[in-house]
N, C-alpha and C. Protein backbone atom coordinates (compact mmCIF):
# COMPACT_ATOMS: atom_id res chain seq x y z
N MET A 1 -2.27 14.04 -30.81
CA MET A 1 -3.20 14.42 -31.83
C MET A 1 -4.38 15.24 -31.30
N PRO A 2 -4.92 14.91 -30.12
CA PRO A 2 -6.06 15.71 -29.67
C PRO A 2 -5.72 17.19 -29.50
N TYR A 3 -4.48 17.47 -29.13
CA TYR A 3 -4.11 18.88 -28.93
C TYR A 3 -3.97 19.63 -30.25
N SER A 4 -3.97 18.91 -31.36
CA SER A 4 -3.91 19.60 -32.65
C SER A 4 -5.15 20.48 -32.85
N GLN A 5 -6.21 20.18 -32.13
CA GLN A 5 -7.43 20.98 -32.21
C GLN A 5 -7.41 22.16 -31.23
N LEU A 6 -6.61 22.05 -30.18
CA LEU A 6 -6.53 23.11 -29.18
C LEU A 6 -5.46 24.16 -29.51
N ILE A 7 -4.38 23.74 -30.10
CA ILE A 7 -3.26 24.65 -30.38
C ILE A 7 -3.67 25.86 -31.22
N PRO A 8 -4.44 25.70 -32.31
CA PRO A 8 -4.86 26.89 -33.07
C PRO A 8 -5.67 27.88 -32.24
N ILE A 9 -6.51 27.37 -31.35
CA ILE A 9 -7.29 28.26 -30.47
C ILE A 9 -6.36 29.06 -29.57
N LEU A 10 -5.34 28.40 -29.03
CA LEU A 10 -4.38 29.08 -28.15
C LEU A 10 -3.57 30.11 -28.92
N ILE A 11 -3.17 29.76 -30.14
CA ILE A 11 -2.36 30.68 -30.96
C ILE A 11 -3.17 31.93 -31.31
N GLU A 12 -4.45 31.74 -31.63
CA GLU A 12 -5.31 32.87 -31.98
C GLU A 12 -5.67 33.72 -30.76
N GLY A 13 -5.46 33.17 -29.58
CA GLY A 13 -5.78 33.91 -28.36
C GLY A 13 -7.26 33.91 -28.04
N ASN A 14 -7.99 32.93 -28.56
CA ASN A 14 -9.43 32.87 -28.35
C ASN A 14 -9.84 31.85 -27.30
N PHE A 15 -8.93 31.44 -26.44
CA PHE A 15 -9.24 30.40 -25.46
C PHE A 15 -10.15 30.95 -24.37
N SER A 16 -11.23 30.24 -24.14
CA SER A 16 -12.16 30.56 -23.07
C SER A 16 -12.62 29.24 -22.46
N LEU A 17 -12.34 29.04 -21.18
CA LEU A 17 -12.74 27.81 -20.51
C LEU A 17 -14.26 27.65 -20.53
N HIS A 18 -14.96 28.76 -20.34
CA HIS A 18 -16.42 28.73 -20.36
C HIS A 18 -16.93 28.27 -21.74
N LEU A 19 -16.39 28.84 -22.80
CA LEU A 19 -16.78 28.47 -24.15
C LEU A 19 -16.42 27.01 -24.43
N MET A 20 -15.25 26.61 -23.98
CA MET A 20 -14.81 25.24 -24.20
C MET A 20 -15.76 24.24 -23.52
N MET A 21 -16.19 24.53 -22.31
CA MET A 21 -17.12 23.65 -21.59
C MET A 21 -18.48 23.63 -22.29
N ASN A 22 -18.94 24.78 -22.77
CA ASN A 22 -20.21 24.81 -23.51
C ASN A 22 -20.13 23.96 -24.78
N GLN A 23 -19.03 24.07 -25.50
CA GLN A 23 -18.88 23.30 -26.74
C GLN A 23 -18.67 21.82 -26.46
N LEU A 24 -18.08 21.52 -25.32
CA LEU A 24 -17.83 20.13 -24.95
C LEU A 24 -19.14 19.37 -24.77
N PHE A 25 -20.15 20.06 -24.26
CA PHE A 25 -21.45 19.43 -24.00
C PHE A 25 -22.54 19.94 -24.95
N ILE A 26 -22.15 20.27 -26.18
CA ILE A 26 -23.09 20.89 -27.12
C ILE A 26 -24.11 19.90 -27.68
N ASN A 27 -23.74 18.62 -27.77
CA ASN A 27 -24.70 17.61 -28.25
C ASN A 27 -24.44 16.28 -27.54
N ARG A 28 -25.27 15.31 -27.83
CA ARG A 28 -25.18 14.03 -27.12
C ARG A 28 -23.89 13.27 -27.43
N VAL A 29 -23.41 13.38 -28.64
CA VAL A 29 -22.18 12.67 -29.02
C VAL A 29 -20.97 13.25 -28.27
N SER A 30 -20.84 14.56 -28.26
CA SER A 30 -19.71 15.16 -27.57
C SER A 30 -19.84 14.94 -26.06
N THR A 31 -21.07 14.95 -25.54
CA THR A 31 -21.29 14.69 -24.12
C THR A 31 -20.89 13.27 -23.77
N LEU A 32 -21.20 12.31 -24.65
CA LEU A 32 -20.80 10.93 -24.44
C LEU A 32 -19.28 10.81 -24.27
N PHE A 33 -18.53 11.44 -25.18
CA PHE A 33 -17.07 11.37 -25.10
C PHE A 33 -16.54 12.12 -23.88
N ALA A 34 -17.12 13.25 -23.57
CA ALA A 34 -16.66 14.02 -22.41
C ALA A 34 -16.88 13.24 -21.12
N LEU A 35 -18.07 12.68 -20.96
CA LEU A 35 -18.36 11.91 -19.75
C LEU A 35 -17.48 10.67 -19.66
N ASP A 36 -17.22 10.03 -20.79
CA ASP A 36 -16.34 8.87 -20.79
C ASP A 36 -14.94 9.25 -20.30
N LEU A 37 -14.43 10.38 -20.78
CA LEU A 37 -13.10 10.82 -20.34
C LEU A 37 -13.08 11.19 -18.86
N PHE A 38 -14.11 11.88 -18.40
CA PHE A 38 -14.16 12.25 -16.98
C PHE A 38 -14.26 11.02 -16.08
N ILE A 39 -15.08 10.06 -16.46
CA ILE A 39 -15.22 8.84 -15.66
C ILE A 39 -13.92 8.03 -15.68
N THR A 40 -13.31 7.92 -16.84
CA THR A 40 -12.03 7.20 -16.94
C THR A 40 -10.98 7.84 -16.04
N ALA A 41 -10.86 9.15 -16.09
CA ALA A 41 -9.87 9.85 -15.28
C ALA A 41 -10.17 9.69 -13.79
N THR A 42 -11.44 9.76 -13.40
CA THR A 42 -11.81 9.61 -12.00
C THR A 42 -11.50 8.21 -11.48
N VAL A 43 -11.88 7.20 -12.25
CA VAL A 43 -11.59 5.81 -11.85
C VAL A 43 -10.08 5.59 -11.76
N PHE A 44 -9.35 6.12 -12.73
CA PHE A 44 -7.89 5.98 -12.69
C PHE A 44 -7.30 6.63 -11.44
N ILE A 45 -7.74 7.82 -11.10
CA ILE A 45 -7.20 8.52 -9.93
C ILE A 45 -7.49 7.75 -8.65
N VAL A 46 -8.71 7.24 -8.50
CA VAL A 46 -9.05 6.44 -7.31
C VAL A 46 -8.17 5.19 -7.26
N PHE A 47 -8.05 4.50 -8.37
CA PHE A 47 -7.21 3.30 -8.44
C PHE A 47 -5.75 3.62 -8.11
N ALA A 48 -5.24 4.68 -8.71
CA ALA A 48 -3.83 5.05 -8.51
C ALA A 48 -3.57 5.45 -7.06
N LEU A 49 -4.49 6.15 -6.44
CA LEU A 49 -4.31 6.50 -5.03
C LEU A 49 -4.28 5.25 -4.17
N TYR A 50 -5.20 4.34 -4.39
CA TYR A 50 -5.25 3.11 -3.61
C TYR A 50 -3.95 2.32 -3.77
N GLU A 51 -3.58 2.06 -5.00
CA GLU A 51 -2.36 1.30 -5.27
C GLU A 51 -1.11 2.07 -4.84
N GLY A 52 -1.13 3.36 -5.04
CA GLY A 52 0.03 4.18 -4.70
C GLY A 52 0.36 4.14 -3.22
N PHE A 53 -0.65 4.25 -2.39
CA PHE A 53 -0.41 4.18 -0.94
C PHE A 53 -0.11 2.76 -0.51
N LYS A 54 -0.73 1.79 -1.14
CA LYS A 54 -0.52 0.38 -0.81
C LYS A 54 0.93 -0.04 -1.06
N PHE A 55 1.48 0.38 -2.19
CA PHE A 55 2.84 -0.01 -2.56
C PHE A 55 3.87 1.09 -2.32
N LYS A 56 3.47 2.16 -1.69
CA LYS A 56 4.37 3.28 -1.35
C LYS A 56 5.14 3.76 -2.59
N ILE A 57 4.39 4.14 -3.60
CA ILE A 57 4.99 4.55 -4.87
C ILE A 57 5.53 5.97 -4.75
N LYS A 58 6.79 6.12 -5.10
CA LYS A 58 7.42 7.44 -5.13
C LYS A 58 6.90 8.23 -6.33
N TYR A 59 6.87 9.53 -6.17
CA TYR A 59 6.44 10.43 -7.24
C TYR A 59 5.02 10.12 -7.74
N LEU A 60 4.15 9.75 -6.81
CA LEU A 60 2.78 9.40 -7.16
C LEU A 60 2.03 10.56 -7.80
N TRP A 61 2.49 11.78 -7.55
CA TRP A 61 1.83 12.96 -8.11
C TRP A 61 2.03 13.09 -9.62
N LEU A 62 3.10 12.50 -10.15
CA LEU A 62 3.39 12.64 -11.58
C LEU A 62 2.27 12.11 -12.49
N PRO A 63 1.73 10.92 -12.26
CA PRO A 63 0.65 10.46 -13.13
C PRO A 63 -0.60 11.34 -13.06
N PHE A 64 -0.84 11.97 -11.91
CA PHE A 64 -2.00 12.85 -11.80
C PHE A 64 -1.81 14.10 -12.65
N ILE A 65 -0.62 14.66 -12.60
CA ILE A 65 -0.31 15.83 -13.43
C ILE A 65 -0.41 15.45 -14.91
N ALA A 66 0.12 14.29 -15.26
CA ALA A 66 0.06 13.82 -16.66
C ALA A 66 -1.38 13.63 -17.10
N THR A 67 -2.22 13.13 -16.21
CA THR A 67 -3.64 12.92 -16.55
C THR A 67 -4.35 14.25 -16.75
N ILE A 68 -4.05 15.21 -15.91
CA ILE A 68 -4.69 16.53 -16.03
C ILE A 68 -4.22 17.26 -17.28
N LEU A 69 -2.91 17.24 -17.55
CA LEU A 69 -2.37 17.99 -18.68
C LEU A 69 -2.59 17.30 -20.02
N VAL A 70 -2.53 15.98 -20.04
CA VAL A 70 -2.65 15.26 -21.31
C VAL A 70 -3.94 14.44 -21.31
N ARG A 71 -3.99 13.41 -20.55
CA ARG A 71 -5.16 12.55 -20.35
C ARG A 71 -4.66 11.28 -19.67
N ALA A 72 -5.60 10.39 -19.39
CA ALA A 72 -5.25 9.12 -18.78
C ALA A 72 -4.37 8.27 -19.70
N SER A 73 -4.38 8.59 -20.99
CA SER A 73 -3.54 7.85 -21.93
C SER A 73 -2.05 8.03 -21.64
N LEU A 74 -1.69 9.06 -20.92
CA LEU A 74 -0.31 9.24 -20.46
C LEU A 74 -0.20 8.91 -18.97
N GLY A 75 -1.17 9.33 -18.19
CA GLY A 75 -1.11 9.13 -16.75
C GLY A 75 -1.10 7.67 -16.34
N PHE A 76 -1.94 6.85 -16.97
CA PHE A 76 -2.03 5.45 -16.59
C PHE A 76 -0.74 4.66 -16.89
N PRO A 77 -0.18 4.75 -18.11
CA PRO A 77 1.09 4.04 -18.35
C PRO A 77 2.22 4.54 -17.44
N LEU A 78 2.24 5.84 -17.17
CA LEU A 78 3.25 6.38 -16.27
C LEU A 78 3.08 5.80 -14.87
N PHE A 79 1.84 5.71 -14.42
CA PHE A 79 1.57 5.11 -13.11
C PHE A 79 2.03 3.65 -13.08
N LEU A 80 1.71 2.88 -14.12
CA LEU A 80 2.11 1.47 -14.16
C LEU A 80 3.63 1.33 -14.13
N TYR A 81 4.32 2.24 -14.80
CA TYR A 81 5.79 2.23 -14.78
C TYR A 81 6.31 2.50 -13.37
N LEU A 82 5.78 3.52 -12.72
CA LEU A 82 6.21 3.85 -11.36
C LEU A 82 5.86 2.71 -10.39
N ARG A 83 4.71 2.09 -10.60
CA ARG A 83 4.29 0.96 -9.76
C ARG A 83 5.25 -0.21 -9.93
N GLU A 84 5.64 -0.49 -11.16
CA GLU A 84 6.57 -1.59 -11.42
C GLU A 84 7.92 -1.34 -10.76
N ILE A 85 8.40 -0.11 -10.84
CA ILE A 85 9.67 0.24 -10.17
C ILE A 85 9.54 0.01 -8.67
N SER A 86 8.43 0.42 -8.10
CA SER A 86 8.19 0.24 -6.66
C SER A 86 8.13 -1.24 -6.29
N LEU A 87 7.44 -2.04 -7.08
CA LEU A 87 7.35 -3.48 -6.81
C LEU A 87 8.72 -4.15 -6.90
N GLU A 88 9.49 -3.78 -7.90
CA GLU A 88 10.84 -4.34 -8.03
C GLU A 88 11.72 -3.97 -6.85
N LYS A 89 11.62 -2.72 -6.42
CA LYS A 89 12.41 -2.26 -5.28
C LYS A 89 12.00 -3.01 -4.02
N ASN A 90 10.71 -3.23 -3.83
CA ASN A 90 10.22 -3.97 -2.67
C ASN A 90 10.66 -5.41 -2.70
N ASN A 91 10.68 -6.02 -3.89
CA ASN A 91 11.14 -7.42 -4.01
C ASN A 91 12.63 -7.54 -3.75
N ASP A 92 13.41 -6.54 -4.14
CA ASP A 92 14.85 -6.55 -3.90
C ASP A 92 15.15 -6.44 -2.40
N ASN A 93 14.32 -5.72 -1.67
CA ASN A 93 14.53 -5.53 -0.22
C ASN A 93 14.13 -6.77 0.58
N ASN A 94 13.32 -7.65 -0.01
CA ASN A 94 12.88 -8.85 0.72
C ASN A 94 13.76 -10.01 0.48
């Protein structure tokens, strides 16, 4: 759903990263949401790196790409899925 607001801009050919960043921080409400998303993504990436190296998760890069392209709402569940596969594989080997 969030991309429903971006797709028309892309179709019209009016996409500007500079303009998008200016509009993202245009008022306190939009700044609140933007900062929340940035902090969530940063905390997720730190957590995923720590857990990823700890449990030797394969394809650890996939959740990061998903977070960048979509948001943590896709990256985090994907990471948990990959983590669960890794844990199961480790338990089978023991």
